[in-house]
């Protein structure tokens, strides 16, 4: 689960690198949007699975040393950084998506 999120964040980062290049266009922006949503949904799902067990351990006085949780936190920090980067890039280099969506 966390490995999947890590891979998705890496793909998201790789796609962001292409913004502003010759590969940039409506198709790339749509792929970025889809991967971004997958990353966020996967992170939410993983948190929903891991957090109840972590909360129980903390309530019982057990220190948080769950490796999956530690990796999830790291991945979500990386995702947050890439999401901020995505917003800055998309605002700085907008692409007209009306033809892509057929409007």
Protein backbone atom coordinates (compact mmCIF):
# COMPACT_ATOMS: atom_id res chain seq x y z
CA UNK A 1 0.00 0.00 0.00
CA UNK A 2 2.70 2.52 0.99
CA UNK A 3 4.95 1.27 -1.81
CA UNK A 4 2.11 1.99 -4.25
CA UNK A 5 1.78 5.55 -2.90
CA UNK A 6 5.52 6.04 -3.20
CA UNK A 7 5.42 4.91 -6.84
CA UNK A 8 2.46 7.18 -7.58
CA UNK A 9 4.22 10.19 -6.03
CA UNK A 10 7.33 9.43 -8.10
CA UNK A 11 5.22 9.26 -11.28
CA UNK A 12 3.48 12.52 -10.33
CA UNK A 13 6.87 14.19 -9.86
CA UNK A 14 8.12 12.87 -13.21
CA UNK A 15 5.04 14.23 -14.96
CA UNK A 16 5.45 17.64 -13.33
CA UNK A 17 8.97 17.86 -14.71
CA UNK A 18 7.44 17.82 -18.22
CA UNK A 19 5.35 20.97 -17.66
CA UNK A 20 6.67 23.70 -19.91
CA UNK A 21 8.53 21.28 -22.17
CA UNK A 22 7.64 20.19 -25.69
CA UNK A 23 5.68 17.27 -24.18
CA UNK A 24 3.38 19.70 -22.35
CA UNK A 25 -0.19 19.84 -23.57
CA UNK A 26 -3.75 18.89 -22.68
CA UNK A 27 -2.99 15.16 -22.59
CA UNK A 28 -0.13 15.62 -20.13
CA UNK A 29 -2.22 17.92 -17.94
CA UNK A 30 -5.04 15.38 -17.86
CA UNK A 31 -2.61 12.62 -16.92
CA UNK A 32 -1.19 14.84 -14.15
CA UNK A 33 -4.73 15.46 -12.87
CA UNK A 34 -5.51 11.73 -12.80
CA UNK A 35 -2.26 10.75 -11.09
CA UNK A 36 -2.69 13.58 -8.56
CA UNK A 37 -6.15 12.33 -7.66
CA UNK A 38 -4.89 8.75 -7.37
CA UNK A 39 -2.13 9.87 -5.01
CA UNK A 40 -4.53 11.75 -2.77
CA UNK A 41 -7.10 8.94 -2.71
CA UNK A 42 -4.45 6.28 -2.01
CA UNK A 43 -3.06 8.38 0.84
CA UNK A 44 -6.51 8.82 2.35
CA UNK A 45 -7.20 5.10 2.07
CA UNK A 46 -3.88 4.15 3.68
CA UNK A 47 -4.42 6.63 6.50
CA UNK A 48 -7.91 5.23 7.14
CA UNK A 49 -6.41 1.76 7.48
CA UNK A 50 -3.34 2.65 9.56
CA UNK A 51 -4.57 5.43 11.86
CA UNK A 52 -7.06 3.44 13.97
CA UNK A 53 -4.34 0.98 15.02
CA UNK A 54 -1.90 3.83 15.72
CA UNK A 55 -4.49 5.66 17.85
CA UNK A 56 -5.10 2.49 19.89
CA UNK A 57 -1.36 2.03 20.46
CA UNK A 58 -0.92 5.66 21.53
CA UNK A 59 -3.91 5.39 23.89
CA UNK A 60 -2.27 2.35 25.50
CA UNK A 61 1.02 4.22 25.89
CA UNK A 62 2.86 2.33 23.16
CA UNK A 63 5.27 4.54 21.17
CA UNK A 64 4.51 4.93 17.48
CA UNK A 65 7.10 2.81 15.68
CA UNK A 66 4.97 1.27 12.95
CA UNK A 67 7.18 1.29 9.84
CA UNK A 68 4.22 1.52 7.45
CA UNK A 69 3.00 4.61 9.29
CA UNK A 70 6.46 6.21 9.22
CA UNK A 71 6.73 5.54 5.49
CA UNK A 72 3.20 6.86 4.91
CA UNK A 73 4.08 10.11 6.69
CA UNK A 74 7.20 10.48 4.55
CA UNK A 75 5.26 9.80 1.35
CA UNK A 76 2.53 12.28 2.26
CA UNK A 77 5.15 14.93 3.01
CA UNK A 78 6.66 14.35 -0.44
CA UNK A 79 3.19 14.45 -1.99
CA UNK A 80 2.39 17.74 -0.25
CA UNK A 81 5.59 19.26 -1.66
CA UNK A 82 4.75 18.03 -5.18
CA UNK A 83 1.17 19.34 -4.88
CA UNK A 84 2.48 22.81 -4.00
CA UNK A 85 4.87 22.60 -6.95
CA UNK A 86 2.03 21.48 -9.23
CA UNK A 87 -0.11 24.44 -8.26
CA UNK A 88 2.71 26.91 -8.90
CA UNK A 89 3.56 25.35 -12.27
CA UNK A 90 -0.03 25.14 -13.50
CA UNK A 91 -0.67 28.76 -12.50
CA UNK A 92 2.56 29.94 -14.12
CA UNK A 93 2.06 27.93 -17.35
CA UNK A 94 -1.66 27.45 -18.01
CA UNK A 95 -2.89 25.29 -20.90
CA UNK A 96 -6.21 25.77 -22.67
CA UNK A 97 -8.14 22.54 -22.07
CA UNK A 98 -11.40 23.49 -23.86
CA UNK A 99 -10.57 21.57 -27.04
CA UNK A 100 -9.45 18.54 -25.05
CA UNK A 101 -12.75 18.34 -23.18
CA UNK A 102 -14.72 19.19 -26.33
CA UNK A 103 -16.40 22.31 -24.96
